[in-house]
Structures are given as structure tokens and as C-alpha cells.
Amino acid sequence: MKNNKAVLYVHGKGGNAAEAAFYEAIFPECDVMGFDYKAETPWESIGEFQAEAKRLLSEYDSVILVANSIGAYFSLLSLADMPIEKAYFISPIANMEKLILDMMQWAGVTEDEIKEKGVIATDFGEDLSWEYLTWVRSHPVSWHIPTEILYGSEDNLQSMDTVKAFTAGCGAGLTVMEHGEHWFHTEEQMQFLREWLVGCEAKNKG
């Protein structure tokens, strides 16, 4: 028999929808759905993410969002006005403009250089795009869905201050794993993630 609640799981870069299986035991009263999205840019993500959320919201009484890294950023852009019950974000890209500016600094390039060339490849595998930067600047995130965030203290993509500023702005809860990384993948990190989610769910039900 189908549950009346669904979990929409959104992976990060390099991840896949099959990762959703990890969350099935954590949400036993929900149907857990991995989202195999194709978008690679924020402007591509909006229509795709909204269509998936609308589909689930038409089939279930409530939908919980669990999202990782850039998948969380795409969700922030796309689903802010959807009637999502609550969200759990793991290492969300909380400020994409700041991340791009940091990557420009790492690569030793200026805004003028990117504006002139359009796209600049970097040694660390990320293309820096003027179109991407200007789009992000003109589409700020506004998020008010009840949210809990898990952040690793050794996250190499965004600082604690960046994440704290985001959580303060949207009223989200924040849990920090000491020595945790941006990508939660080791046995210890996944156990921490599991216990964090179980604890959040128990607190909500209590």
C-alpha cells in the first residue's frame, strides 16, 4: 500500500538518484524518491524541479525535501513557493555568488577577464562563466520553508560564516559535524548524517 507522504531526494554534483535508498530506513512512513534531474545550470533547474515537485504534491498529502550541495541550491531557487512540508539540506551551497567569487580567487582571474572571455576553465575542473555569475546575482534566494541544515566543519567550498548567515536569514536550524567534509561519504560521516536525520524526525514528532 502506498504511503501518503513522500521524500524527494536531490543528489549533489556527481551523485545519482540511487543514493535515495540510504534514506528509506530513516523515513519508513514515506515513499522515498530519488530525483534523476538533468539540469546543470540554475536556469535549467527551475522548470525541471518544479515539475517534479508538482507531480509528487499531486500524488501525496505531503512532501519532505532532502537535498545535497548544488542539488540543495537548485531546490532553493526552484521550490521556495511550493507547499513542501520541511527540508533537510546536507552541505547546501548557501551562497552561490560567494562560491563563484571564491573560485575566481582560487583561479587568479578577475570579473573583467571572465566578462571579456565569457567562460574560463580552471585547473580544479570548474568552468567560470560570466553568464552563470550574472544570472545568480539577478536571482537571489528567498527561502522560508522549515529547514534543518547539516554542515561539515572541514567543508572546503563554503565557510561557517556563509552557512550561518544563510541559516539566520531563513530561520533554519544548523548542526555542525566537527571534521566533517562537504561531501558526506565516509562510514563515520554517513552514521552522523543518519543520526542527525533520525534525531530531527524524532524531535518533530515529539
N, C-alpha and C. Protein backbone atom coordinates (compact mmCIF):
# COMPACT_ATOMS: atom_id res chain seq x y z
N MET A 1 0.84 -1.20 0.00
CA MET A 1 0.00 0.00 0.00
C MET A 1 0.87 1.25 0.00
N LYS A 2 0.54 2.19 -0.86
CA LYS A 2 1.33 3.40 -0.98
C LYS A 2 1.16 4.29 0.25
N ASN A 3 2.27 4.88 0.72
CA ASN A 3 2.20 5.85 1.80
C ASN A 3 1.58 7.15 1.30
N ASN A 4 1.13 7.97 2.25
CA ASN A 4 0.55 9.25 1.84
C ASN A 4 1.54 10.40 1.96
N LYS A 5 2.81 10.04 2.31
CA LYS A 5 3.86 11.05 2.39
C LYS A 5 5.04 10.60 1.53
N ALA A 6 5.71 11.58 0.93
CA ALA A 6 6.85 11.26 0.08
C ALA A 6 8.06 12.07 0.52
N VAL A 7 9.24 11.49 0.30
CA VAL A 7 10.50 12.20 0.45
C VAL A 7 11.10 12.36 -0.94
N LEU A 8 11.41 13.60 -1.31
CA LEU A 8 12.09 13.87 -2.57
C LEU A 8 13.57 14.06 -2.26
N TYR A 9 14.40 13.14 -2.75
CA TYR A 9 15.84 13.20 -2.51
C TYR A 9 16.54 13.78 -3.74
N VAL A 10 17.34 14.83 -3.52
CA VAL A 10 18.05 15.51 -4.61
C VAL A 10 19.55 15.40 -4.37
N HIS A 11 20.25 14.72 -5.26
CA HIS A 11 21.69 14.49 -5.09
C HIS A 11 22.49 15.72 -5.46
N GLY A 12 23.77 15.70 -5.10
CA GLY A 12 24.70 16.77 -5.47
C GLY A 12 25.44 16.43 -6.74
N LYS A 13 26.41 17.27 -7.09
CA LYS A 13 27.18 17.06 -8.33
C LYS A 13 27.93 15.74 -8.24
N GLY A 14 27.81 14.95 -9.29
CA GLY A 14 28.48 13.65 -9.32
C GLY A 14 27.72 12.54 -8.63
N GLY A 15 26.60 12.90 -7.98
CA GLY A 15 25.78 11.90 -7.31
C GLY A 15 24.73 11.33 -8.24
N ASN A 16 23.81 10.54 -7.67
CA ASN A 16 22.76 9.96 -8.50
C ASN A 16 21.53 9.64 -7.66
N ALA A 17 20.44 9.40 -8.34
CA ALA A 17 19.16 9.18 -7.68
C ALA A 17 19.16 7.92 -6.82
N ALA A 18 20.03 6.96 -7.13
CA ALA A 18 20.06 5.71 -6.37
C ALA A 18 20.48 5.92 -4.91
N GLU A 19 21.12 7.05 -4.62
CA GLU A 19 21.51 7.36 -3.24
C GLU A 19 20.29 7.45 -2.32
N ALA A 20 19.12 7.62 -2.90
CA ALA A 20 17.89 7.75 -2.12
C ALA A 20 17.64 6.51 -1.26
N ALA A 21 18.15 5.36 -1.67
CA ALA A 21 17.92 4.13 -0.92
C ALA A 21 18.42 4.23 0.52
N PHE A 22 19.46 5.03 0.74
CA PHE A 22 20.02 5.21 2.09
C PHE A 22 18.97 5.77 3.04
N TYR A 23 18.05 6.56 2.52
CA TYR A 23 17.09 7.29 3.35
C TYR A 23 15.80 6.53 3.63
N GLU A 24 15.63 5.39 2.99
CA GLU A 24 14.37 4.65 3.13
C GLU A 24 14.13 4.20 4.57
N ALA A 25 15.19 3.73 5.24
CA ALA A 25 15.04 3.26 6.62
C ALA A 25 14.83 4.42 7.59
N ILE A 26 15.27 5.61 7.21
CA ILE A 26 15.12 6.78 8.08
C ILE A 26 13.70 7.33 8.01
N PHE A 27 13.06 7.15 6.86
CA PHE A 27 11.69 7.64 6.66
C PHE A 27 10.77 6.46 6.32
N PRO A 28 10.53 5.55 7.29
CA PRO A 28 9.77 4.33 6.99
C PRO A 28 8.31 4.59 6.63
N GLU A 29 7.79 5.74 7.02
CA GLU A 29 6.38 6.03 6.74
C GLU A 29 6.22 6.80 5.43
N CYS A 30 7.30 6.94 4.68
CA CYS A 30 7.27 7.72 3.44
C CYS A 30 7.75 6.88 2.26
N ASP A 31 7.26 7.22 1.08
CA ASP A 31 7.85 6.72 -0.16
C ASP A 31 9.02 7.64 -0.50
N VAL A 32 10.22 7.09 -0.59
CA VAL A 32 11.42 7.89 -0.85
C VAL A 32 11.75 7.84 -2.34
N MET A 33 11.79 9.01 -2.96
CA MET A 33 12.01 9.11 -4.41
C MET A 33 13.34 9.81 -4.70
N GLY A 34 14.22 9.16 -5.43
CA GLY A 34 15.43 9.81 -5.90
C GLY A 34 15.13 10.58 -7.18
N PHE A 35 15.60 11.81 -7.26
CA PHE A 35 15.30 12.68 -8.40
C PHE A 35 16.48 12.67 -9.36
N ASP A 36 16.28 12.07 -10.52
CA ASP A 36 17.34 11.95 -11.53
C ASP A 36 17.27 13.16 -12.47
N TYR A 37 17.59 14.34 -11.92
CA TYR A 37 17.46 15.56 -12.73
C TYR A 37 18.61 15.68 -13.74
N LYS A 38 18.34 16.43 -14.80
CA LYS A 38 19.32 16.61 -15.87
C LYS A 38 19.96 17.99 -15.87
N ALA A 39 19.37 18.94 -15.17
CA ALA A 39 19.84 20.33 -15.19
C ALA A 39 21.29 20.44 -14.71
N GLU A 40 22.04 21.30 -15.38
CA GLU A 40 23.41 21.59 -14.98
C GLU A 40 23.59 23.07 -14.62
N THR A 41 22.58 23.87 -14.92
CA THR A 41 22.63 25.30 -14.60
C THR A 41 21.38 25.66 -13.80
N PRO A 42 21.42 26.73 -13.03
CA PRO A 42 20.24 27.10 -12.23
C PRO A 42 19.03 27.44 -13.08
N TRP A 43 19.24 28.07 -14.23
CA TRP A 43 18.08 28.42 -15.06
C TRP A 43 17.44 27.19 -15.69
N GLU A 44 18.21 26.14 -15.88
CA GLU A 44 17.62 24.89 -16.37
C GLU A 44 16.88 24.15 -15.26
N SER A 45 17.32 24.36 -14.03
CA SER A 45 16.78 23.57 -12.93
C SER A 45 15.35 23.94 -12.57
N ILE A 46 14.99 25.20 -12.75
CA ILE A 46 13.72 25.69 -12.19
C ILE A 46 12.52 24.91 -12.73
N GLY A 47 12.39 24.85 -14.04
CA GLY A 47 11.25 24.15 -14.62
C GLY A 47 11.25 22.66 -14.29
N GLU A 48 12.43 22.04 -14.33
CA GLU A 48 12.54 20.60 -14.08
C GLU A 48 12.20 20.27 -12.63
N PHE A 49 12.73 21.06 -11.69
CA PHE A 49 12.48 20.81 -10.28
C PHE A 49 11.02 21.09 -9.92
N GLN A 50 10.46 22.15 -10.47
CA GLN A 50 9.07 22.47 -10.15
C GLN A 50 8.12 21.41 -10.70
N ALA A 51 8.42 20.89 -11.86
CA ALA A 51 7.56 19.85 -12.44
C ALA A 51 7.57 18.59 -11.58
N GLU A 52 8.76 18.21 -11.07
CA GLU A 52 8.85 17.02 -10.22
C GLU A 52 8.12 17.24 -8.90
N ALA A 53 8.29 18.41 -8.31
CA ALA A 53 7.61 18.70 -7.04
C ALA A 53 6.09 18.72 -7.23
N LYS A 54 5.63 19.31 -8.30
CA LYS A 54 4.18 19.35 -8.57
C LYS A 54 3.63 17.94 -8.76
N ARG A 55 4.39 17.10 -9.42
CA ARG A 55 3.94 15.72 -9.63
C ARG A 55 3.76 15.01 -8.29
N LEU A 56 4.75 15.12 -7.40
CA LEU A 56 4.66 14.46 -6.11
C LEU A 56 3.56 15.07 -5.24
N LEU A 57 3.43 16.39 -5.29
CA LEU A 57 2.41 17.06 -4.48
C LEU A 57 1.00 16.70 -4.94
N SER A 58 0.86 16.31 -6.21
CA SER A 58 -0.45 15.90 -6.71
C SER A 58 -0.79 14.47 -6.31
N GLU A 59 0.25 13.69 -5.95
CA GLU A 59 0.05 12.27 -5.63
C GLU A 59 0.10 11.98 -4.13
N TYR A 60 0.70 12.88 -3.35
CA TYR A 60 0.88 12.65 -1.91
C TYR A 60 0.32 13.80 -1.10
N ASP A 61 -0.05 13.48 0.14
CA ASP A 61 -0.58 14.51 1.03
C ASP A 61 0.49 15.50 1.46
N SER A 62 1.73 15.03 1.60
CA SER A 62 2.82 15.93 1.96
C SER A 62 4.13 15.42 1.39
N VAL A 63 5.06 16.36 1.21
CA VAL A 63 6.36 16.04 0.62
C VAL A 63 7.45 16.67 1.48
N ILE A 64 8.46 15.84 1.82
CA ILE A 64 9.65 16.29 2.53
C ILE A 64 10.80 16.33 1.54
N LEU A 65 11.61 17.36 1.62
CA LEU A 65 12.74 17.53 0.71
C LEU A 65 14.05 17.22 1.44
N VAL A 66 14.87 16.36 0.84
CA VAL A 66 16.23 16.10 1.33
C VAL A 66 17.16 16.38 0.15
N ALA A 67 18.10 17.33 0.33
CA ALA A 67 18.92 17.73 -0.82
C ALA A 67 20.36 18.00 -0.41
N ASN A 68 21.26 17.69 -1.33
CA ASN A 68 22.70 17.82 -1.13
C ASN A 68 23.30 18.92 -1.98
N SER A 69 24.23 19.69 -1.42
CA SER A 69 25.15 20.55 -2.16
C SER A 69 24.46 21.40 -3.23
N ILE A 70 24.86 21.25 -4.50
CA ILE A 70 24.25 22.07 -5.54
C ILE A 70 22.81 21.65 -5.80
N GLY A 71 22.47 20.40 -5.47
CA GLY A 71 21.07 19.99 -5.55
C GLY A 71 20.21 20.80 -4.58
N ALA A 72 20.79 21.13 -3.42
CA ALA A 72 20.08 21.99 -2.47
C ALA A 72 19.95 23.40 -3.03
N TYR A 73 21.00 23.92 -3.68
CA TYR A 73 20.92 25.25 -4.27
C TYR A 73 19.84 25.31 -5.35
N PHE A 74 19.81 24.32 -6.23
CA PHE A 74 18.76 24.28 -7.24
C PHE A 74 17.38 24.21 -6.60
N SER A 75 17.27 23.48 -5.49
CA SER A 75 15.99 23.37 -4.78
C SER A 75 15.59 24.71 -4.17
N LEU A 76 16.58 25.41 -3.60
CA LEU A 76 16.31 26.73 -3.02
C LEU A 76 15.75 27.69 -4.06
N LEU A 77 16.31 27.64 -5.25
CA LEU A 77 15.85 28.51 -6.33
C LEU A 77 14.47 28.13 -6.84
N SER A 78 14.22 26.83 -6.92
CA SER A 78 13.05 26.33 -7.65
C SER A 78 11.81 26.10 -6.79
N LEU A 79 12.00 25.72 -5.52
CA LEU A 79 10.89 25.17 -4.75
C LEU A 79 10.45 26.04 -3.59
N ALA A 80 10.95 27.28 -3.52
CA ALA A 80 10.66 28.14 -2.38
C ALA A 80 9.16 28.41 -2.20
N ASP A 81 8.43 28.44 -3.29
CA ASP A 81 7.00 28.75 -3.22
C ASP A 81 6.12 27.50 -3.27
N MET A 82 6.73 26.34 -3.20
CA MET A 82 5.97 25.08 -3.19
C MET A 82 5.55 24.74 -1.76
N PRO A 83 4.42 24.04 -1.60
CA PRO A 83 3.97 23.66 -0.25
C PRO A 83 4.71 22.43 0.28
N ILE A 84 6.04 22.55 0.34
CA ILE A 84 6.88 21.49 0.91
C ILE A 84 6.72 21.51 2.43
N GLU A 85 6.56 20.34 3.05
CA GLU A 85 6.35 20.29 4.50
C GLU A 85 7.58 20.77 5.25
N LYS A 86 8.75 20.28 4.86
CA LYS A 86 10.01 20.67 5.51
C LYS A 86 11.15 20.22 4.63
N ALA A 87 12.34 20.75 4.93
CA ALA A 87 13.51 20.42 4.12
C ALA A 87 14.69 20.08 5.02
N TYR A 88 15.48 19.12 4.56
CA TYR A 88 16.75 18.77 5.18
C TYR A 88 17.84 18.98 4.13
N PHE A 89 18.77 19.88 4.42
CA PHE A 89 19.85 20.17 3.48
C PHE A 89 21.18 19.69 4.04
N ILE A 90 21.93 18.97 3.22
CA ILE A 90 23.25 18.46 3.60
C ILE A 90 24.29 19.22 2.78
N SER A 91 25.14 20.00 3.45
CA SER A 91 26.16 20.81 2.79
C SER A 91 25.59 21.64 1.64
N PRO A 92 24.49 22.37 1.88
CA PRO A 92 23.90 23.14 0.78
C PRO A 92 24.83 24.26 0.32
N ILE A 93 24.84 24.53 -0.98
CA ILE A 93 25.51 25.73 -1.47
C ILE A 93 24.60 26.90 -1.10
N ALA A 94 24.92 27.53 0.01
CA ALA A 94 24.03 28.53 0.60
C ALA A 94 24.17 29.90 -0.04
N ASN A 95 25.32 30.16 -0.65
CA ASN A 95 25.56 31.45 -1.31
C ASN A 95 26.39 31.19 -2.56
N MET A 96 25.70 31.01 -3.69
CA MET A 96 26.39 30.64 -4.92
C MET A 96 27.29 31.76 -5.42
N GLU A 97 26.86 33.00 -5.28
CA GLU A 97 27.72 34.11 -5.73
C GLU A 97 29.05 34.10 -4.98
N LYS A 98 28.99 33.91 -3.67
CA LYS A 98 30.21 33.87 -2.86
C LYS A 98 31.11 32.72 -3.31
N LEU A 99 30.53 31.56 -3.61
CA LEU A 99 31.32 30.42 -4.06
C LEU A 99 32.02 30.73 -5.38
N ILE A 100 31.29 31.35 -6.31
CA ILE A 100 31.89 31.68 -7.60
C ILE A 100 33.04 32.69 -7.42
N LEU A 101 32.82 33.70 -6.58
CA LEU A 101 33.87 34.69 -6.33
C LEU A 101 35.09 34.04 -5.68
N ASP A 102 34.85 33.09 -4.78
CA ASP A 102 35.96 32.36 -4.16
C ASP A 102 36.72 31.55 -5.21
N MET A 103 36.00 30.89 -6.11
CA MET A 103 36.65 30.09 -7.15
C MET A 103 37.45 30.99 -8.10
N MET A 104 36.94 32.19 -8.36
CA MET A 104 37.70 33.14 -9.18
C MET A 104 39.02 33.49 -8.51
N GLN A 105 38.95 33.68 -7.19
CA GLN A 105 40.17 33.99 -6.44
C GLN A 105 41.15 32.82 -6.48
N TRP A 106 40.63 31.59 -6.32
CA TRP A 106 41.48 30.41 -6.37
C TRP A 106 42.18 30.30 -7.73
N ALA A 107 41.43 30.66 -8.78
CA ALA A 107 41.95 30.54 -10.14
C ALA A 107 42.79 31.75 -10.55
N GLY A 108 42.75 32.82 -9.75
CA GLY A 108 43.52 34.02 -10.06
C GLY A 108 43.00 34.78 -11.26
N VAL A 109 41.67 34.83 -11.41
CA VAL A 109 41.07 35.58 -12.52
C VAL A 109 40.13 36.64 -11.97
N THR A 110 39.92 37.68 -12.76
CA THR A 110 39.08 38.81 -12.35
C THR A 110 37.73 38.77 -13.07
N GLU A 111 36.80 39.56 -12.55
CA GLU A 111 35.49 39.65 -13.22
C GLU A 111 35.64 40.19 -14.64
N ASP A 112 36.52 41.16 -14.82
CA ASP A 112 36.72 41.74 -16.15
C ASP A 112 37.20 40.67 -17.14
N GLU A 113 38.08 39.79 -16.67
CA GLU A 113 38.60 38.73 -17.55
C GLU A 113 37.49 37.76 -17.94
N ILE A 114 36.64 37.41 -16.96
CA ILE A 114 35.54 36.49 -17.26
C ILE A 114 34.51 37.16 -18.18
N LYS A 115 34.23 38.43 -17.90
CA LYS A 115 33.27 39.16 -18.74
C LYS A 115 33.77 39.21 -20.18
N GLU A 116 35.07 39.43 -20.37
CA GLU A 116 35.64 39.53 -21.71
C GLU A 116 35.64 38.18 -22.44
N LYS A 117 36.00 37.11 -21.72
CA LYS A 117 36.14 35.80 -22.36
C LYS A 117 34.86 34.97 -22.33
N GLY A 118 33.95 35.28 -21.42
CA GLY A 118 32.69 34.54 -21.32
C GLY A 118 32.81 33.34 -20.41
N VAL A 119 33.76 32.46 -20.71
CA VAL A 119 33.99 31.26 -19.90
C VAL A 119 35.50 31.05 -19.76
N ILE A 120 35.94 30.76 -18.54
CA ILE A 120 37.35 30.46 -18.29
C ILE A 120 37.42 29.12 -17.56
N ALA A 121 38.19 28.18 -18.13
CA ALA A 121 38.40 26.88 -17.48
C ALA A 121 39.43 27.04 -16.36
N THR A 122 39.29 26.23 -15.31
CA THR A 122 40.21 26.29 -14.19
C THR A 122 40.97 24.97 -14.04
N ASP A 123 42.05 25.02 -13.27
CA ASP A 123 42.85 23.82 -13.01
C ASP A 123 42.12 22.84 -12.11
N PHE A 124 41.11 23.33 -11.35
CA PHE A 124 40.39 22.43 -10.44
C PHE A 124 39.09 21.91 -11.04
N GLY A 125 38.94 22.05 -12.36
CA GLY A 125 37.87 21.35 -13.06
C GLY A 125 36.54 22.07 -13.17
N GLU A 126 36.46 23.31 -12.69
CA GLU A 126 35.21 24.06 -12.80
C GLU A 126 35.38 25.20 -13.81
N ASP A 127 34.42 25.34 -14.72
CA ASP A 127 34.43 26.48 -15.64
C ASP A 127 33.81 27.68 -14.94
N LEU A 128 34.45 28.82 -15.08
CA LEU A 128 33.92 30.07 -14.54
C LEU A 128 33.23 30.81 -15.67
N SER A 129 31.93 31.09 -15.49
CA SER A 129 31.10 31.62 -16.56
C SER A 129 30.51 32.98 -16.18
N TRP A 130 30.65 33.94 -17.06
CA TRP A 130 30.06 35.26 -16.83
C TRP A 130 28.53 35.17 -16.82
N GLU A 131 27.97 34.37 -17.71
CA GLU A 131 26.52 34.18 -17.77
C GLU A 131 26.00 33.61 -16.44
N TYR A 132 26.71 32.63 -15.91
CA TYR A 132 26.31 31.98 -14.66
C TYR A 132 26.36 32.99 -13.50
N LEU A 133 27.46 33.73 -13.41
CA LEU A 133 27.62 34.69 -12.32
C LEU A 133 26.54 35.77 -12.36
N THR A 134 26.29 36.33 -13.54
CA THR A 134 25.30 37.40 -13.63
C THR A 134 23.89 36.87 -13.38
N TRP A 135 23.62 35.63 -13.81
CA TRP A 135 22.29 35.06 -13.54
C TRP A 135 22.08 34.87 -12.04
N VAL A 136 23.09 34.33 -11.37
CA VAL A 136 22.99 34.12 -9.92
C VAL A 136 22.75 35.45 -9.20
N ARG A 137 23.46 36.48 -9.59
CA ARG A 137 23.29 37.79 -8.95
C ARG A 137 21.90 38.36 -9.13
N SER A 138 21.28 38.07 -10.26
CA SER A 138 19.96 38.64 -10.53
C SER A 138 18.81 37.75 -10.05
N HIS A 139 19.14 36.61 -9.43
CA HIS A 139 18.13 35.69 -8.91
C HIS A 139 18.48 35.27 -7.48
N PRO A 140 18.37 36.20 -6.53
CA PRO A 140 18.70 35.86 -5.14
C PRO A 140 17.74 34.84 -4.56
N VAL A 141 18.23 34.06 -3.61
CA VAL A 141 17.43 33.03 -2.96
C VAL A 141 16.58 33.65 -1.86
N SER A 142 15.32 33.24 -1.78
CA SER A 142 14.44 33.62 -0.68
C SER A 142 13.73 32.36 -0.21
N TRP A 143 14.01 31.92 0.99
CA TRP A 143 13.58 30.59 1.45
C TRP A 143 12.96 30.68 2.84
N HIS A 144 11.75 30.16 3.01
CA HIS A 144 11.09 30.23 4.31
C HIS A 144 10.43 28.91 4.72
N ILE A 145 10.71 27.84 3.99
CA ILE A 145 10.21 26.52 4.36
C ILE A 145 10.97 26.03 5.60
N PRO A 146 10.30 25.42 6.58
CA PRO A 146 11.02 24.90 7.76
C PRO A 146 12.17 23.98 7.34
N THR A 147 13.37 24.30 7.82
CA THR A 147 14.56 23.64 7.29
C THR A 147 15.58 23.35 8.39
N GLU A 148 16.23 22.19 8.28
CA GLU A 148 17.38 21.84 9.10
C GLU A 148 18.57 21.61 8.17
N ILE A 149 19.75 22.08 8.59
CA ILE A 149 20.95 22.00 7.76
C ILE A 149 22.05 21.25 8.49
N LEU A 150 22.73 20.37 7.76
CA LEU A 150 23.90 19.67 8.26
C LEU A 150 25.12 20.19 7.51
N TYR A 151 26.14 20.58 8.27
CA TYR A 151 27.34 21.20 7.69
C TYR A 151 28.58 20.57 8.31
N GLY A 152 29.58 20.30 7.49
CA GLY A 152 30.84 19.76 7.99
C GLY A 152 31.85 20.87 8.24
N SER A 153 32.51 20.85 9.38
CA SER A 153 33.42 21.94 9.73
C SER A 153 34.61 22.04 8.79
N GLU A 154 34.91 20.95 8.05
CA GLU A 154 36.02 20.97 7.10
C GLU A 154 35.52 21.16 5.66
N ASP A 155 34.34 21.71 5.50
CA ASP A 155 33.79 21.98 4.16
C ASP A 155 34.73 22.93 3.43
N ASN A 156 35.24 22.49 2.27
CA ASN A 156 36.22 23.30 1.55
C ASN A 156 35.60 24.20 0.49
N LEU A 157 34.28 24.21 0.40
CA LEU A 157 33.62 25.05 -0.60
C LEU A 157 32.97 26.29 0.00
N GLN A 158 32.62 26.24 1.26
CA GLN A 158 31.96 27.40 1.87
C GLN A 158 32.29 27.46 3.35
N SER A 159 32.37 28.68 3.85
CA SER A 159 32.79 28.89 5.23
C SER A 159 31.63 28.73 6.20
N MET A 160 31.97 28.56 7.45
CA MET A 160 30.96 28.51 8.51
C MET A 160 30.16 29.82 8.53
N ASP A 161 30.84 30.95 8.34
CA ASP A 161 30.15 32.25 8.35
C ASP A 161 29.10 32.33 7.25
N THR A 162 29.42 31.79 6.08
CA THR A 162 28.46 31.80 4.96
C THR A 162 27.22 31.00 5.31
N VAL A 163 27.41 29.82 5.87
CA VAL A 163 26.28 28.96 6.22
C VAL A 163 25.48 29.57 7.36
N LYS A 164 26.16 30.12 8.35
CA LYS A 164 25.45 30.75 9.48
C LYS A 164 24.64 31.95 9.02
N ALA A 165 25.17 32.73 8.09
CA ALA A 165 24.42 33.88 7.56
C ALA A 165 23.15 33.41 6.86
N PHE A 166 23.27 32.33 6.11
CA PHE A 166 22.09 31.79 5.43
C PHE A 166 21.04 31.29 6.42
N THR A 167 21.48 30.51 7.40
CA THR A 167 20.52 29.96 8.37
C THR A 167 19.85 31.07 9.16
N ALA A 168 20.59 32.11 9.49
CA ALA A 168 19.99 33.23 10.22
C ALA A 168 18.94 33.94 9.36
N GLY A 169 19.23 34.03 8.06
CA GLY A 169 18.31 34.73 7.17
C GLY A 169 17.01 34.00 6.93
N CYS A 170 17.02 32.67 6.98
CA CYS A 170 15.80 31.92 6.68
C CYS A 170 15.25 31.18 7.90
N GLY A 171 15.91 31.33 9.06
CA GLY A 171 15.40 30.70 10.28
C GLY A 171 15.61 29.21 10.35
N ALA A 172 16.59 28.70 9.62
CA ALA A 172 16.84 27.26 9.61
C ALA A 172 17.65 26.84 10.83
N GLY A 173 17.52 25.57 11.21
CA GLY A 173 18.37 25.00 12.24
C GLY A 173 19.68 24.55 11.64
N LEU A 174 20.75 24.58 12.42
CA LEU A 174 22.07 24.21 11.91
C LEU A 174 22.76 23.24 12.85
N THR A 175 23.23 22.12 12.28
CA THR A 175 24.04 21.15 13.01
C THR A 175 25.39 21.04 12.32
N VAL A 176 26.47 21.11 13.09
CA VAL A 176 27.82 21.05 12.54
C VAL A 176 28.49 19.76 12.97
N MET A 177 29.00 19.00 12.00
CA MET A 177 29.82 17.84 12.32
C MET A 177 31.28 18.26 12.32
N GLU A 178 31.91 18.19 13.47
CA GLU A 178 33.33 18.52 13.55
C GLU A 178 34.13 17.55 12.68
N HIS A 179 35.00 18.10 11.87
CA HIS A 179 35.85 17.35 10.94
C HIS A 179 35.06 16.73 9.79
N GLY A 180 33.78 17.08 9.68
CA GLY A 180 33.01 16.63 8.53
C GLY A 180 33.42 17.39 7.28
N GLU A 181 33.23 16.78 6.11
CA GLU A 181 33.61 17.39 4.84
C GLU A 181 32.37 17.86 4.09
N HIS A 182 32.62 18.54 2.95
CA HIS A 182 31.48 18.96 2.13
C HIS A 182 30.71 17.74 1.64
N TRP A 183 31.44 16.74 1.19
CA TRP A 183 30.81 15.50 0.72
C TRP A 183 30.79 14.50 1.88
N PHE A 184 29.60 14.24 2.39
CA PHE A 184 29.44 13.23 3.44
C PHE A 184 29.46 11.86 2.77
N HIS A 185 30.53 11.08 3.02
CA HIS A 185 30.64 9.81 2.32
C HIS A 185 31.31 8.71 3.13
N THR A 186 32.11 9.06 4.15
CA THR A 186 32.76 8.00 4.93
C THR A 186 31.73 7.33 5.85
N GLU A 187 32.10 6.18 6.37
CA GLU A 187 31.18 5.47 7.27
C GLU A 187 30.80 6.33 8.46
N GLU A 188 31.79 7.00 9.04
CA GLU A 188 31.53 7.86 10.20
C GLU A 188 30.61 9.03 9.83
N GLN A 189 30.86 9.64 8.68
CA GLN A 189 30.04 10.77 8.25
C GLN A 189 28.60 10.34 7.96
N MET A 190 28.45 9.20 7.31
CA MET A 190 27.10 8.73 6.98
C MET A 190 26.34 8.34 8.24
N GLN A 191 27.04 7.80 9.23
CA GLN A 191 26.40 7.48 10.51
C GLN A 191 25.95 8.76 11.21
N PHE A 192 26.77 9.79 11.15
CA PHE A 192 26.40 11.08 11.74
C PHE A 192 25.17 11.65 11.03
N LEU A 193 25.18 11.58 9.70
CA LEU A 193 24.05 12.07 8.90
C LEU A 193 22.77 11.31 9.28
N ARG A 194 22.89 9.99 9.38
CA ARG A 194 21.73 9.16 9.74
C ARG A 194 21.17 9.56 11.11
N GLU A 195 22.07 9.68 12.08
CA GLU A 195 21.62 10.02 13.43
C GLU A 195 21.04 11.43 13.49
N TRP A 196 21.61 12.33 12.71
CA TRP A 196 21.06 13.69 12.63
C TRP A 196 19.63 13.69 12.11
N LEU A 197 19.39 12.99 11.03
CA LEU A 197 18.05 12.94 10.46
C LEU A 197 17.06 12.24 11.39
N VAL A 198 17.47 11.13 11.97
CA VAL A 198 16.61 10.41 12.91
C VAL A 198 16.26 11.31 14.09
N GLY A 199 17.25 12.05 14.59
CA GLY A 199 17.01 12.94 15.71
C GLY A 199 16.07 14.08 15.35
N CYS A 200 16.26 14.65 14.15
CA CYS A 200 15.36 15.72 13.70
C CYS A 200 13.93 15.22 13.56
N GLU A 201 13.76 14.05 12.99
CA GLU A 201 12.43 13.48 12.81
C GLU A 201 11.78 13.19 14.16
N ALA A 202 12.56 12.65 15.11
CA ALA A 202 12.01 12.35 16.43
C ALA A 202 11.60 13.63 17.15
N LYS A 203 12.39 14.68 16.99
CA LYS A 203 12.08 15.96 17.62
C LYS A 203 10.79 16.55 17.03
N ASN A 204 10.64 16.41 15.73
CA ASN A 204 9.43 16.94 15.08
C ASN A 204 8.18 16.19 15.53
N LYS A 205 8.32 14.89 15.70
CA LYS A 205 7.16 14.09 16.12
C LYS A 205 6.86 14.29 17.60
N GLY A 206 7.92 14.59 18.37
CA GLY A 206 7.72 14.79 19.81
C GLY A 206 7.02 16.07 20.13
